[in-house]
C-alpha atoms as a PDB file:
ATOM      1  CA  MET A   1     -26.774 -10.751  14.404  1.00  0.00           C
ATOM      2  CA  ILE A   2     -25.390 -10.907  17.932  1.00  0.00           C
ATOM      3  CA  LYS A   3     -22.112  -9.694  16.530  1.00  0.00           C
ATOM      4  CA  TYR A   4     -23.659  -6.738  14.634  1.00  0.00           C
ATOM      5  CA  THR A   5     -25.518  -4.943  17.451  1.00  0.00           C
ATOM      6  CA  GLY A   6     -26.428  -1.992  15.248  1.00  0.00           C
ATOM      7  CA  GLU A   7     -28.700  -4.150  13.057  1.00  0.00           C
ATOM      8  CA  PRO A   8     -32.250  -5.314  13.914  1.00  0.00           C
ATOM      9  CA  SER A   9     -32.894  -8.999  14.150  1.00  0.00           C
ATOM     10  CA  THR A  10     -35.326  -8.709  11.211  1.00  0.00           C
ATOM     11  CA  SER A  11     -32.333  -8.121   8.906  1.00  0.00           C
ATOM     12  CA  ALA A  12     -31.229 -11.724   9.326  1.00  0.00           C
ATOM     13  CA  PHE A  13     -34.718 -12.968   8.385  1.00  0.00           C
ATOM     14  CA  ILE A  14     -34.840 -10.662   5.329  1.00  0.00           C
ATOM     15  CA  GLU A  15     -31.462 -11.956   4.119  1.00  0.00           C
ATOM     16  CA  THR A  16     -32.642 -15.575   4.333  1.00  0.00           C
ATOM     17  CA  CYS A  17     -35.911 -14.889   2.443  1.00  0.00           C
ATOM     18  CA  PRO A  18     -34.435 -15.403  -1.053  1.00  0.00           C
ATOM     19  CA  TYR A  19     -33.497 -18.999  -0.096  1.00  0.00           C
ATOM     20  CA  LEU A  20     -37.198 -19.751   0.241  1.00  0.00           C
ATOM     21  CA  ALA A  21     -37.117 -19.984  -3.581  1.00  0.00           C
ATOM     22  CA  LEU A  22     -35.539 -23.390  -3.151  1.00  0.00           C
ATOM     23  CA  LEU A  23     -38.892 -24.616  -1.772  1.00  0.00           C
ATOM     24  CA  SER A  24     -40.164 -24.460  -5.364  1.00  0.00           C
ATOM     25  CA  TYR A  25     -37.885 -27.522  -5.949  1.00  0.00           C
ATOM     26  CA  TYR A  26     -40.591 -29.759  -4.430  1.00  0.00           C
ATOM     27  CA  ILE A  27     -43.162 -28.521  -6.926  1.00  0.00           C
ATOM     28  CA  PHE A  28     -40.760 -28.716  -9.892  1.00  0.00           C
ATOM     29  CA  SER A  29     -39.493 -32.175  -8.887  1.00  0.00           C
ATOM     30  CA  SER A  30     -43.000 -33.629  -8.597  1.00  0.00           C
ATOM     31  CA  SER A  31     -43.921 -32.171 -12.010  1.00  0.00           C
ATOM     32  CA  CYS A  32     -40.710 -33.414 -13.602  1.00  0.00           C
ATOM     33  CA  GLN A  33     -41.028 -36.927 -12.231  1.00  0.00           C
ATOM     34  CA  LEU A  34     -44.768 -37.075 -13.131  1.00  0.00           C
ATOM     35  CA  ASN A  35     -44.127 -36.243 -16.798  1.00  0.00           C
ATOM     36  CA  TYR A  36     -40.446 -35.896 -17.632  1.00  0.00           C
ATOM     37  CA  SER A  37     -40.910 -35.098 -21.348  1.00  0.00           C
ATOM     38  CA  SER A  38     -43.632 -32.514 -20.705  1.00  0.00           C
ATOM     39  CA  PHE A  39     -41.452 -30.706 -18.114  1.00  0.00           C
ATOM     40  CA  LEU A  40     -38.533 -30.502 -20.552  1.00  0.00           C
ATOM     41  CA  LYS A  41     -40.887 -29.230 -23.256  1.00  0.00           C
ATOM     42  CA  GLN A  42     -42.244 -26.510 -20.960  1.00  0.00           C
ATOM     43  CA  LEU A  43     -38.753 -25.244 -20.116  1.00  0.00           C
ATOM     44  CA  MET A  44     -37.714 -25.342 -23.752  1.00  0.00           C
ATOM     45  CA  PHE A  45     -40.900 -23.548 -24.830  1.00  0.00           C
ATOM     46  CA  PHE A  46     -40.296 -20.810 -22.273  1.00  0.00           C
ATOM     47  CA  SER A  47     -36.669 -20.278 -23.334  1.00  0.00           C
ATOM     48  CA  THR A  48     -37.568 -20.402 -27.003  1.00  0.00           C
ATOM     49  CA  ILE A  49     -40.355 -17.847 -26.785  1.00  0.00           C
ATOM     50  CA  ALA A  50     -38.485 -15.583 -24.347  1.00  0.00           C
ATOM     51  CA  SER A  51     -35.331 -15.617 -26.487  1.00  0.00           C
ATOM     52  CA  ALA A  52     -37.296 -14.923 -29.664  1.00  0.00           C
ATOM     53  CA  PHE A  53     -39.195 -12.055 -28.065  1.00  0.00           C
ATOM     54  CA  ALA A  54     -36.029 -10.552 -26.659  1.00  0.00           C
ATOM     55  CA  ILE A  55     -34.237 -10.764 -30.018  1.00  0.00           C
ATOM     56  CA  VAL A  56     -37.149  -9.150 -31.824  1.00  0.00           C
ATOM     57  CA  GLU A  57     -37.463  -6.365 -29.288  1.00  0.00           C
ATOM     58  CA  TYR A  58     -33.723  -5.759 -29.201  1.00  0.00           C
ATOM     59  CA  PHE A  59     -33.405  -5.071 -32.899  1.00  0.00           C
ATOM     60  CA  LEU A  60     -36.627  -3.072 -33.039  1.00  0.00           C
ATOM     61  CA  TYR A  61     -35.466  -0.967 -30.157  1.00  0.00           C
ATOM     62  CA  LEU A  62     -31.904  -0.644 -31.469  1.00  0.00           C
ATOM     63  CA  TYR A  63     -32.825   0.474 -34.975  1.00  0.00           C
ATOM     64  CA  ASN A  64     -36.320   2.048 -34.551  1.00  0.00           C
ATOM     65  CA  GLY A  65     -36.654   2.823 -30.889  1.00  0.00           C
ATOM     66  CA  ILE A  66     -39.687   0.522 -30.687  1.00  0.00           C
ATOM     67  CA  SER A  67     -40.340  -1.429 -27.502  1.00  0.00           C
ATOM     68  CA  LEU A  68     -43.146  -3.917 -28.143  1.00  0.00           C
ATOM     69  CA  PHE A  69     -42.691  -6.170 -25.099  1.00  0.00           C
ATOM     70  CA  LYS A  70     -42.552  -3.828 -22.111  1.00  0.00           C
ATOM     71  CA  PHE A  71     -41.329  -6.489 -19.734  1.00  0.00           C
ATOM     72  CA  PHE A  72     -38.065  -6.627 -21.706  1.00  0.00           C
ATOM     73  CA  GLY A  73     -37.649  -2.842 -22.156  1.00  0.00           C
ATOM     74  CA  PHE A  74     -36.955  -1.935 -18.520  1.00  0.00           C
ATOM     75  CA  ASN A  75     -33.187  -1.979 -18.608  1.00  0.00           C
ATOM     76  CA  TYR A  76     -32.276  -1.285 -22.204  1.00  0.00           C
ATOM     77  CA  GLY A  77     -29.986   1.638 -22.764  1.00  0.00           C
ATOM     78  CA  GLN A  78     -26.533   2.909 -21.850  1.00  0.00           C
ATOM     79  CA  VAL A  79     -27.047   3.951 -18.247  1.00  0.00           C
ATOM     80  CA  THR A  80     -29.713   2.476 -15.899  1.00  0.00           C
ATOM     81  CA  SER A  81     -28.897   3.911 -12.475  1.00  0.00           C
ATOM     82  CA  VAL A  82     -26.706   6.339 -10.679  1.00  0.00           C
ATOM     83  CA  SER A  83     -25.737   5.576  -7.050  1.00  0.00           C
ATOM     84  CA  LYS A  84     -23.089   7.269  -4.907  1.00  0.00           C
ATOM     85  CA  ASN A  85     -21.763   9.225  -7.895  1.00  0.00           C
ATOM     86  CA  ALA A  86     -20.957   5.889  -9.624  1.00  0.00           C
ATOM     87  CA  ILE A  87     -22.565   5.306 -12.988  1.00  0.00           C
ATOM     88  CA  ILE A  88     -23.586   1.692 -13.534  1.00  0.00           C
ATOM     89  CA  ASP A  89     -23.250   1.102 -17.275  1.00  0.00           C
ATOM     90  CA  LEU A  90     -25.126  -1.962 -18.474  1.00  0.00           C
ATOM     91  CA  SER A  91     -24.000  -1.502 -22.078  1.00  0.00           C
ATOM     92  CA  ARG A  92     -21.346  -3.660 -23.677  1.00  0.00           C
ATOM     93  CA  ASN A  93     -19.185  -2.547 -26.623  1.00  0.00           C
ATOM     94  CA  GLY A  94     -21.309   0.622 -26.825  1.00  0.00           C
ATOM     95  CA  GLN A  95     -24.630  -1.275 -27.210  1.00  0.00           C
ATOM     96  CA  SER A  96     -27.376  -1.894 -24.732  1.00  0.00           C
ATOM     97  CA  ARG A  97     -27.908  -5.246 -23.132  1.00  0.00           C
ATOM     98  CA  LEU A  98     -30.619  -7.127 -21.259  1.00  0.00           C
ATOM     99  CA  ILE A  99     -29.627  -8.784 -18.039  1.00  0.00           C
ATOM    100  CA  GLY A 100     -31.363 -10.815 -15.295  1.00  0.00           C
ATOM    101  CA  SER A 101     -32.631 -13.738 -17.369  1.00  0.00           C
ATOM    102  CA  ASP A 102     -30.638 -16.630 -15.977  1.00  0.00           C
ATOM    103  CA  LEU A 103     -33.309 -19.213 -16.650  1.00  0.00           C
ATOM    104  CA  ILE A 104     -32.869 -18.710 -20.420  1.00  0.00           C
ATOM    105  CA  ASP A 105     -29.108 -19.053 -20.187  1.00  0.00           C
ATOM    106  CA  PHE A 106     -28.953 -22.045 -17.871  1.00  0.00           C
ATOM    107  CA  SER A 107     -31.766 -23.952 -19.624  1.00  0.00           C
ATOM    108  CA  SER A 108     -29.312 -24.629 -22.455  1.00  0.00           C
ATOM    109  CA  VAL A 109     -28.414 -27.937 -20.748  1.00  0.00           C
ATOM    110  CA  ILE A 110     -31.680 -29.380 -22.015  1.00  0.00           C
ATOM    111  CA  PRO A 111     -31.207 -28.906 -25.769  1.00  0.00           C
ATOM    112  CA  ILE A 112     -27.513 -29.713 -25.436  1.00  0.00           C
ATOM    113  CA  SER A 113     -28.315 -33.077 -23.773  1.00  0.00           C
ATOM    114  CA  LEU A 114     -31.095 -33.853 -26.284  1.00  0.00           C
ATOM    115  CA  ILE A 115     -28.873 -33.118 -29.318  1.00  0.00           C
ATOM    116  CA  LEU A 116     -26.040 -35.325 -28.057  1.00  0.00           C
ATOM    117  CA  ASN A 117     -28.166 -38.099 -26.602  1.00  0.00           C
ATOM    118  CA  ASN A 118     -28.503 -41.176 -28.881  1.00  0.00           C
ATOM    119  CA  LYS A 119     -31.301 -42.656 -26.801  1.00  0.00           C
ATOM    120  CA  LYS A 120     -34.758 -41.592 -27.711  1.00  0.00           C
ATOM    121  CA  ASN A 121     -36.225 -41.456 -24.154  1.00  0.00           C
ATOM    122  CA  VAL A 122     -38.122 -38.195 -24.595  1.00  0.00           C
ATOM    123  CA  ASN A 123     -40.574 -37.148 -27.260  1.00  0.00           C
ATOM    124  CA  ILE A 124     -38.686 -34.041 -28.430  1.00  0.00           C
ATOM    125  CA  SER A 125     -37.152 -33.696 -31.889  1.00  0.00           C
ATOM    126  CA  LYS A 126     -33.526 -32.799 -32.340  1.00  0.00           C
ATOM    127  CA  ILE A 127     -34.508 -30.159 -34.863  1.00  0.00           C
ATOM    128  CA  TYR A 128     -36.466 -28.375 -32.148  1.00  0.00           C
ATOM    129  CA  ALA A 129     -33.569 -28.794 -29.757  1.00  0.00           C
ATOM    130  CA  TRP A 130     -31.176 -27.237 -32.303  1.00  0.00           C
ATOM    131  CA  ILE A 131     -33.570 -24.314 -32.853  1.00  0.00           C
ATOM    132  CA  ASN A 132     -33.869 -23.798 -29.086  1.00  0.00           C
ATOM    133  CA  LEU A 133     -30.117 -23.951 -28.534  1.00  0.00           C
ATOM    134  CA  LEU A 134     -29.346 -21.551 -31.358  1.00  0.00           C
ATOM    135  CA  LEU A 135     -31.926 -19.070 -30.128  1.00  0.00           C
ATOM    136  CA  ILE A 136     -30.275 -19.281 -26.655  1.00  0.00           C
ATOM    137  CA  TYR A 137     -26.843 -18.708 -28.147  1.00  0.00           C
ATOM    138  CA  SER A 138     -28.186 -15.756 -30.177  1.00  0.00           C
ATOM    139  CA  TYR A 139     -29.791 -14.376 -27.053  1.00  0.00           C
ATOM    140  CA  GLU A 140     -26.515 -14.547 -25.169  1.00  0.00           C
ATOM    141  CA  LEU A 141     -24.479 -13.054 -28.017  1.00  0.00           C
ATOM    142  CA  PHE A 142     -26.797 -10.184 -28.979  1.00  0.00           C
ATOM    143  CA  ILE A 143     -29.064  -9.492 -26.030  1.00  0.00           C
ATOM    144  CA  SER A 144     -27.588 -10.417 -22.638  1.00  0.00           C
ATOM    145  CA  LYS A 145     -23.951 -10.277 -23.820  1.00  0.00           C
ATOM    146  CA  THR A 146     -23.013 -12.311 -20.761  1.00  0.00           C
ATOM    147  CA  ARG A 147     -19.685 -13.592 -21.996  1.00  0.00           C
ATOM    148  CA  SER A 148     -19.042 -16.062 -19.166  1.00  0.00           C
ATOM    149  CA  VAL A 149     -22.417 -17.808 -19.643  1.00  0.00           C
ATOM    150  CA  PHE A 150     -21.857 -18.038 -23.388  1.00  0.00           C
ATOM    151  CA  ILE A 151     -18.440 -19.606 -22.740  1.00  0.00           C
ATOM    152  CA  PHE A 152     -19.914 -21.978 -20.138  1.00  0.00           C
ATOM    153  CA  THR A 153     -22.649 -23.233 -22.449  1.00  0.00           C
ATOM    154  CA  LEU A 154     -20.266 -23.568 -25.411  1.00  0.00           C
ATOM    155  CA  MET A 155     -17.730 -25.476 -23.345  1.00  0.00           C
ATOM    156  CA  THR A 156     -20.496 -27.717 -21.971  1.00  0.00           C
ATOM    157  CA  PHE A 157     -21.537 -28.606 -25.499  1.00  0.00           C
ATOM    158  CA  LEU A 158     -17.946 -29.229 -26.623  1.00  0.00           C
ATOM    159  CA  LEU A 159     -17.086 -31.359 -23.568  1.00  0.00           C
ATOM    160  CA  LEU A 160     -20.220 -33.490 -23.913  1.00  0.00           C
ATOM    161  CA  PHE A 161     -19.591 -33.865 -27.610  1.00  0.00           C
ATOM    162  CA  ILE A 162     -16.114 -35.244 -27.011  1.00  0.00           C
ATOM    163  CA  LEU A 163     -17.453 -37.689 -24.416  1.00  0.00           C
ATOM    164  CA  LYS A 164     -20.230 -38.744 -26.797  1.00  0.00           C
ATOM    165  CA  ILE A 165     -18.008 -39.771 -29.705  1.00  0.00           C
ATOM    166  CA  SER A 166     -17.910 -43.507 -29.376  1.00  0.00           C
ATOM    167  CA  PHE A 167     -15.179 -44.238 -31.941  1.00  0.00           C
ATOM    168  CA  ILE A 168     -12.540 -42.294 -30.049  1.00  0.00           C
ATOM    169  CA  SER A 169     -10.730 -44.301 -27.391  1.00  0.00           C
ATOM    170  CA  ASN A 170     -10.975 -43.268 -23.753  1.00  0.00           C
ATOM    171  CA  GLY A 171      -7.302 -42.272 -23.820  1.00  0.00           C
ATOM    172  CA  LEU A 172      -7.750 -39.894 -26.766  1.00  0.00           C
ATOM    173  CA  LYS A 173     -10.900 -38.487 -25.113  1.00  0.00           C
ATOM    174  CA  LYS A 174      -8.916 -37.614 -21.967  1.00  0.00           C
ATOM    175  CA  VAL A 175      -6.121 -36.072 -24.090  1.00  0.00           C
ATOM    176  CA  ALA A 176      -8.653 -34.006 -26.078  1.00  0.00           C
ATOM    177  CA  MET A 177     -10.403 -32.805 -22.901  1.00  0.00           C
ATOM    178  CA  PHE A 178      -7.047 -31.991 -21.310  1.00  0.00           C
ATOM    179  CA  ILE A 179      -5.997 -29.949 -24.334  1.00  0.00           C
ATOM    180  CA  MET A 180      -9.334 -28.113 -24.308  1.00  0.00           C
ATOM    181  CA  ALA A 181      -8.960 -27.347 -20.620  1.00  0.00           C
ATOM    182  CA  ILE A 182      -5.428 -26.017 -21.137  1.00  0.00           C
ATOM    183  CA  LEU A 183      -6.400 -23.882 -24.150  1.00  0.00           C
ATOM    184  CA  PHE A 184      -9.477 -22.532 -22.323  1.00  0.00           C
ATOM    185  CA  SER A 185      -7.495 -21.740 -19.173  1.00  0.00           C
ATOM    186  CA  LEU A 186      -4.723 -20.089 -21.264  1.00  0.00           C
ATOM    187  CA  PHE A 187      -7.272 -17.956 -23.105  1.00  0.00           C
ATOM    188  CA  LEU A 188      -8.886 -16.860 -19.821  1.00  0.00           C
ATOM    189  CA  PHE A 189      -5.489 -16.087 -18.243  1.00  0.00           C
ATOM    190  CA  ILE A 190      -4.262 -13.986 -21.194  1.00  0.00           C
ATOM    191  CA  LYS A 191      -7.577 -12.212 -21.517  1.00  0.00           C
ATOM    192  CA  LEU A 192      -7.854 -11.490 -17.797  1.00  0.00           C
ATOM    193  CA  LYS A 193      -4.271 -10.318 -17.573  1.00  0.00           C
ATOM    194  CA  ILE A 194      -4.544  -7.922 -20.542  1.00  0.00           C
ATOM    195  CA  GLU A 195      -7.905  -6.508 -19.403  1.00  0.00           C
ATOM    196  CA  TYR A 196      -6.913  -6.238 -15.775  1.00  0.00           C
ATOM    197  CA  ILE A 197      -3.506  -4.599 -16.352  1.00  0.00           C
ATOM    198  CA  ASN A 198      -4.839  -2.119 -18.857  1.00  0.00           C
ATOM    199  CA  HIS A 199      -8.142  -1.589 -17.019  1.00  0.00           C
ATOM    200  CA  LEU A 200     -10.063  -1.882 -20.268  1.00  0.00           C
ATOM    201  CA  ASP A 201     -12.989  -3.782 -18.977  1.00  0.00           C
ATOM    202  CA  TYR A 202     -14.689  -2.977 -15.674  1.00  0.00           C
ATOM    203  CA  SER A 203     -16.349  -6.344 -15.280  1.00  0.00           C
ATOM    204  CA  TYR A 204     -12.979  -8.189 -15.390  1.00  0.00           C
ATOM    205  CA  TYR A 205     -10.758  -6.156 -13.082  1.00  0.00           C
ATOM    206  CA  HIS A 206     -13.514  -5.328 -10.655  1.00  0.00           C
ATOM    207  CA  ARG A 207     -14.255  -9.026 -10.118  1.00  0.00           C
ATOM    208  CA  VAL A 208     -10.595  -9.596  -9.480  1.00  0.00           C
ATOM    209  CA  ASP A 209     -10.740  -6.955  -6.776  1.00  0.00           C
ATOM    210  CA  GLU A 210     -13.908  -8.490  -5.380  1.00  0.00           C
ATOM    211  CA  ALA A 211     -12.393 -11.961  -5.244  1.00  0.00           C
ATOM    212  CA  ALA A 212      -9.254 -10.681  -3.486  1.00  0.00           C
ATOM    213  CA  TYR A 213     -11.374  -8.726  -0.992  1.00  0.00           C
ATOM    214  CA  TYR A 214     -13.703 -11.635  -0.080  1.00  0.00           C
ATOM    215  CA  ILE A 215     -10.841 -14.084   0.209  1.00  0.00           C
ATOM    216  CA  GLU A 216      -9.444 -11.765   2.917  1.00  0.00           C
ATOM    217  CA  VAL A 217     -12.844 -11.712   4.544  1.00  0.00           C
ATOM    218  CA  PHE A 218     -12.913 -15.469   4.616  1.00  0.00           C
ATOM    219  CA  LYS A 219      -9.418 -15.718   5.961  1.00  0.00           C
ATOM    220  CA  ASN A 220     -10.296 -13.318   8.798  1.00  0.00           C
ATOM    221  CA  ASN A 221     -13.535 -15.145   9.673  1.00  0.00           C
ATOM    222  CA  PHE A 222     -13.673 -18.478   7.959  1.00  0.00           C
ATOM    223  CA  LEU A 223     -16.413 -19.847  10.191  1.00  0.00           C
ATOM    224  CA  PHE A 224     -19.142 -17.289   9.506  1.00  0.00           C
ATOM    225  CA  GLY A 225     -17.835 -14.810   6.965  1.00  0.00           C
ATOM    226  CA  ASN A 226     -19.714 -11.528   7.089  1.00  0.00           C
ATOM    227  CA  GLY A 227     -22.904 -13.303   8.069  1.00  0.00           C
ATOM    228  CA  LEU A 228     -26.478 -12.193   7.538  1.00  0.00           C
ATOM    229  CA  LEU A 229     -25.927  -8.482   7.212  1.00  0.00           C
ATOM    230  CA  LYS A 230     -28.296  -6.746   4.738  1.00  0.00           C
ATOM    231  CA  ASP A 231     -26.808  -5.166   1.650  1.00  0.00           C
ATOM    232  CA  VAL A 232     -27.157  -1.652   3.029  1.00  0.00           C
ATOM    233  CA  PRO A 233     -26.716  -1.923   6.820  1.00  0.00           C
ATOM    234  CA  ASN A 234     -27.402   0.840   9.293  1.00  0.00           C
ATOM    235  CA  LEU A 235     -23.784   1.397  10.298  1.00  0.00           C
ATOM    236  CA  LEU A 236     -21.034   2.667   7.964  1.00  0.00           C
ATOM    237  CA  GLU A 237     -18.528   0.199   9.422  1.00  0.00           C
ATOM    238  CA  ASP A 238     -20.881  -2.680   8.506  1.00  0.00           C
ATOM    239  CA  TYR A 239     -21.353  -1.311   5.025  1.00  0.00           C
ATOM    240  CA  GLU A 240     -17.621  -1.193   4.483  1.00  0.00           C
ATOM    241  CA  ARG A 241     -17.328  -4.713   5.928  1.00  0.00           C
ATOM    242  CA  ILE A 242     -19.587  -5.966   3.081  1.00  0.00           C
ATOM    243  CA  HIS A 243     -18.634  -3.683   0.179  1.00  0.00           C
ATOM    244  CA  GLY A 244     -15.104  -2.618   0.949  1.00  0.00           C
ATOM    245  CA  PHE A 245     -13.749   0.897   1.174  1.00  0.00           C
ATOM    246  CA  ASN A 246     -14.048   2.115  -2.443  1.00  0.00           C
ATOM    247  CA  SER A 247     -17.289   4.082  -2.627  1.00  0.00           C
ATOM    248  CA  PHE A 248     -17.024   4.402  -6.480  1.00  0.00           C
ATOM    249  CA  ALA A 249     -16.781   0.610  -7.006  1.00  0.00           C
ATOM    250  CA  SER A 250     -18.439  -1.251  -4.181  1.00  0.00           C
ATOM    251  CA  ASN A 251     -17.719  -4.945  -3.934  1.00  0.00           C
ATOM    252  CA  SER A 252     -20.598  -7.423  -4.209  1.00  0.00           C
ATOM    253  CA  TYR A 253     -20.990 -11.089  -3.343  1.00  0.00           C
ATOM    254  CA  ASN A 254     -22.671 -11.822  -6.613  1.00  0.00           C
ATOM    255  CA  ASP A 255     -21.034 -13.001  -9.839  1.00  0.00           C
ATOM    256  CA  ILE A 256     -17.760 -14.248  -8.362  1.00  0.00           C
ATOM    257  CA  GLY A 257     -18.827 -17.768  -7.747  1.00  0.00           C
ATOM    258  CA  ILE A 258     -17.929 -19.716  -4.613  1.00  0.00           C
ATOM    259  CA  ILE A 259     -15.625 -16.945  -3.343  1.00  0.00           C
ATOM    260  CA  GLY A 260     -18.599 -14.596  -2.847  1.00  0.00           C
ATOM    261  CA  GLN A 261     -20.396 -17.258  -0.802  1.00  0.00           C
ATOM    262  CA  MET A 262     -17.312 -17.834   1.261  1.00  0.00           C
ATOM    263  CA  GLY A 263     -17.070 -14.125   2.009  1.00  0.00           C
ATOM    264  CA  LYS A 264     -20.768 -14.004   2.994  1.00  0.00           C
ATOM    265  CA  PHE A 265     -21.259 -17.237   4.925  1.00  0.00           C
ATOM    266  CA  GLY A 266     -17.690 -18.519   5.554  1.00  0.00           C
ATOM    267  CA  ILE A 267     -17.117 -22.269   5.502  1.00  0.00           C
ATOM    268  CA  LEU A 268     -20.925 -22.852   5.329  1.00  0.00           C
ATOM    269  CA  GLY A 269     -21.008 -20.854   2.116  1.00  0.00           C
ATOM    270  CA  MET A 270     -18.265 -23.012   0.612  1.00  0.00           C
ATOM    271  CA  LEU A 271     -20.040 -26.259   1.583  1.00  0.00           C
ATOM    272  CA  ILE A 272     -23.403 -24.989   0.241  1.00  0.00           C
ATOM    273  CA  SER A 273     -21.751 -24.092  -3.081  1.00  0.00           C
ATOM    274  CA  LEU A 274     -19.966 -27.481  -3.436  1.00  0.00           C
ATOM    275  CA  TYR A 275     -22.850 -29.678  -2.319  1.00  0.00           C
ATOM    276  CA  PHE A 276     -24.861 -29.748  -5.504  1.00  0.00           C
ATOM    277  CA  PRO A 277     -21.949 -30.442  -7.937  1.00  0.00           C
ATOM    278  CA  PHE A 278     -20.666 -33.235  -5.690  1.00  0.00           C
ATOM    279  CA  LYS A 279     -24.161 -34.696  -5.204  1.00  0.00           C
ATOM    280  CA  THR A 280     -24.807 -34.560  -8.946  1.00  0.00           C
ATOM    281  CA  TYR A 281     -21.474 -36.316  -9.621  1.00  0.00           C
ATOM    282  CA  SER A 282     -22.356 -39.111  -7.182  1.00  0.00           C
ATOM    283  CA  ILE A 283     -25.704 -39.538  -8.998  1.00  0.00           C
ATOM    284  CA  LEU A 284     -23.993 -39.537 -12.404  1.00  0.00           C
ATOM    285  CA  LYS A 285     -21.839 -42.438 -11.427  1.00  0.00           C
ATOM    286  CA  GLU A 286     -25.030 -44.519 -10.889  1.00  0.00           C
ATOM    287  CA  LYS A 287     -27.226 -43.020 -13.611  1.00  0.00           C
ATOM    288  CA  LYS A 288     -25.151 -42.130 -16.693  1.00  0.00           C
ATOM    289  CA  LYS A 289     -27.593 -39.634 -18.274  1.00  0.00           C
ATOM    290  CA  MET A 290     -26.465 -36.884 -20.683  1.00  0.00           C
ATOM    291  CA  LEU A 291     -28.683 -34.290 -19.003  1.00  0.00           C
ATOM    292  CA  ILE A 292     -27.231 -35.006 -15.569  1.00  0.00           C
ATOM    293  CA  LEU A 293     -23.714 -34.651 -17.037  1.00  0.00           C
ATOM    294  CA  ALA A 294     -24.603 -31.345 -18.654  1.00  0.00           C
ATOM    295  CA  ILE A 295     -25.998 -30.021 -15.332  1.00  0.00           C
ATOM    296  CA  LEU A 296     -22.845 -31.226 -13.574  1.00  0.00           C
ATOM    297  CA  VAL A 297     -20.619 -29.356 -15.988  1.00  0.00           C
ATOM    298  CA  MET A 298     -22.694 -26.113 -15.831  1.00  0.00           C
ATOM    299  CA  SER A 299     -22.935 -26.204 -12.048  1.00  0.00           C
ATOM    300  CA  THR A 300     -19.161 -26.784 -11.792  1.00  0.00           C
ATOM    301  CA  PHE A 301     -18.553 -23.754 -14.062  1.00  0.00           C
ATOM    302  CA  SER A 302     -20.822 -21.732 -11.825  1.00  0.00           C
ATOM    303  CA  LEU A 303     -18.430 -22.178  -8.974  1.00  0.00           C
ATOM    304  CA  PHE A 304     -16.065 -19.783 -10.742  1.00  0.00           C
ATOM    305  CA  ASN A 305     -18.609 -17.190 -11.793  1.00  0.00           C
ATOM    306  CA  LEU A 306     -22.431 -16.664 -11.622  1.00  0.00           C
ATOM    307  CA  SER A 307     -22.934 -19.025  -8.686  1.00  0.00           C
ATOM    308  CA  LEU A 308     -26.202 -20.971  -8.582  1.00  0.00           C
ATOM    309  CA  VAL A 309     -26.557 -20.094  -4.870  1.00  0.00           C
ATOM    310  CA  ASP A 310     -26.574 -16.322  -5.595  1.00  0.00           C
ATOM    311  CA  ALA A 311     -30.030 -15.095  -4.702  1.00  0.00           C
ATOM    312  CA  GLU A 312     -31.119 -14.351  -8.277  1.00  0.00           C
ATOM    313  CA  ARG A 313     -30.127 -17.816  -9.520  1.00  0.00           C
ATOM    314  CA  LEU A 314     -31.716 -19.921  -6.730  1.00  0.00           C
ATOM    315  CA  PRO A 315     -34.737 -20.737  -8.957  1.00  0.00           C
ATOM    316  CA  VAL A 316     -32.343 -22.121 -11.480  1.00  0.00           C
ATOM    317  CA  LEU A 317     -30.780 -24.362  -8.853  1.00  0.00           C
ATOM    318  CA  ALA A 318     -34.255 -25.538  -7.828  1.00  0.00           C
ATOM    319  CA  ILE A 319     -35.075 -26.465 -11.432  1.00  0.00           C
ATOM    320  CA  TYR A 320     -31.683 -28.179 -11.898  1.00  0.00           C
ATOM    321  CA  MET A 321     -32.289 -30.335  -8.815  1.00  0.00           C
ATOM    322  CA  ALA A 322     -35.756 -31.205 -10.206  1.00  0.00           C
ATOM    323  CA  LEU A 323     -34.228 -32.115 -13.619  1.00  0.00           C
ATOM    324  CA  VAL A 324     -31.785 -34.445 -11.945  1.00  0.00           C
ATOM    325  CA  ASP A 325     -34.714 -36.142 -10.141  1.00  0.00           C
ATOM    326  CA  GLY A 326     -36.613 -36.534 -13.425  1.00  0.00           C
ATOM    327  CA  ALA A 327     -33.621 -37.798 -15.310  1.00  0.00           C
ATOM    328  CA  VAL A 328     -32.998 -40.438 -12.615  1.00  0.00           C
ATOM    329  CA  ARG A 329     -36.593 -41.621 -12.803  1.00  0.00           C
ATOM    330  CA  SER A 330     -36.757 -41.595 -16.607  1.00  0.00           C
ATOM    331  CA  LYS A 331     -36.039 -44.778 -18.572  1.00  0.00           C
END
């Protein structure tokens, strides 16, 4: 804040407050290590009930205009806010969507690992795991419509399934995974190129703009990035420093993975983003657990989009760290 003299020192404190959510890791970790199976059941129960409620409300609201569960009805509809003459449309393909429920999406690592794990080290049936996973997939397809998360969870399942098949040689496994990676990358490249060139999908081309902008921010100040400036600072020049110069489509650190953190915190943001995947990988080499592998894959995907160190997903990161602790301690 020494650099940004127009901002009060309290702004830096306010910007660091979301990271206090990581303190919940200590509570989650203790609970997970105390009773590993019970902790997994609680997370699965939450995601099952929340997904089911959201699906029921979505179709009731869509076809009858009925909103039974008010806590899910707050951001249904075509337009949710108007700011600086820019309409923020939270619909997708002309239909409303529910966003801001990352714990449901990222908890998919639990049923995926249970379904693909041959060892019966937790007292949870695979039938329940399948029901939970299918509800999460249905939630992502019909309710949140978060395409990247759906792709991440689906790719995690497919990658772990290939690794699990014991009758395929290691060489063929590597070939299969390489082919999957090539096809997936090719699909993303073609999709991104078509959508970006034709400007058909705001969420695609705007993220490309954001990534390009924050890469430039990082190059200009790779040590600290933009620093602890609040989202709407007092000075216009500081606002433009964070959000760019297009008032109709302001840039945001969120949802562009590690690049957003690099733009915000510089080299520290990059190290913070990379630490958990690398730490999880080092643990996986010692403790070959399916859940740890699933968390590693999902956290690696999050480096490209929907970063776990974005403020709204910090509770997910805390739970992931606790799950790794519990998996290490479990037999």
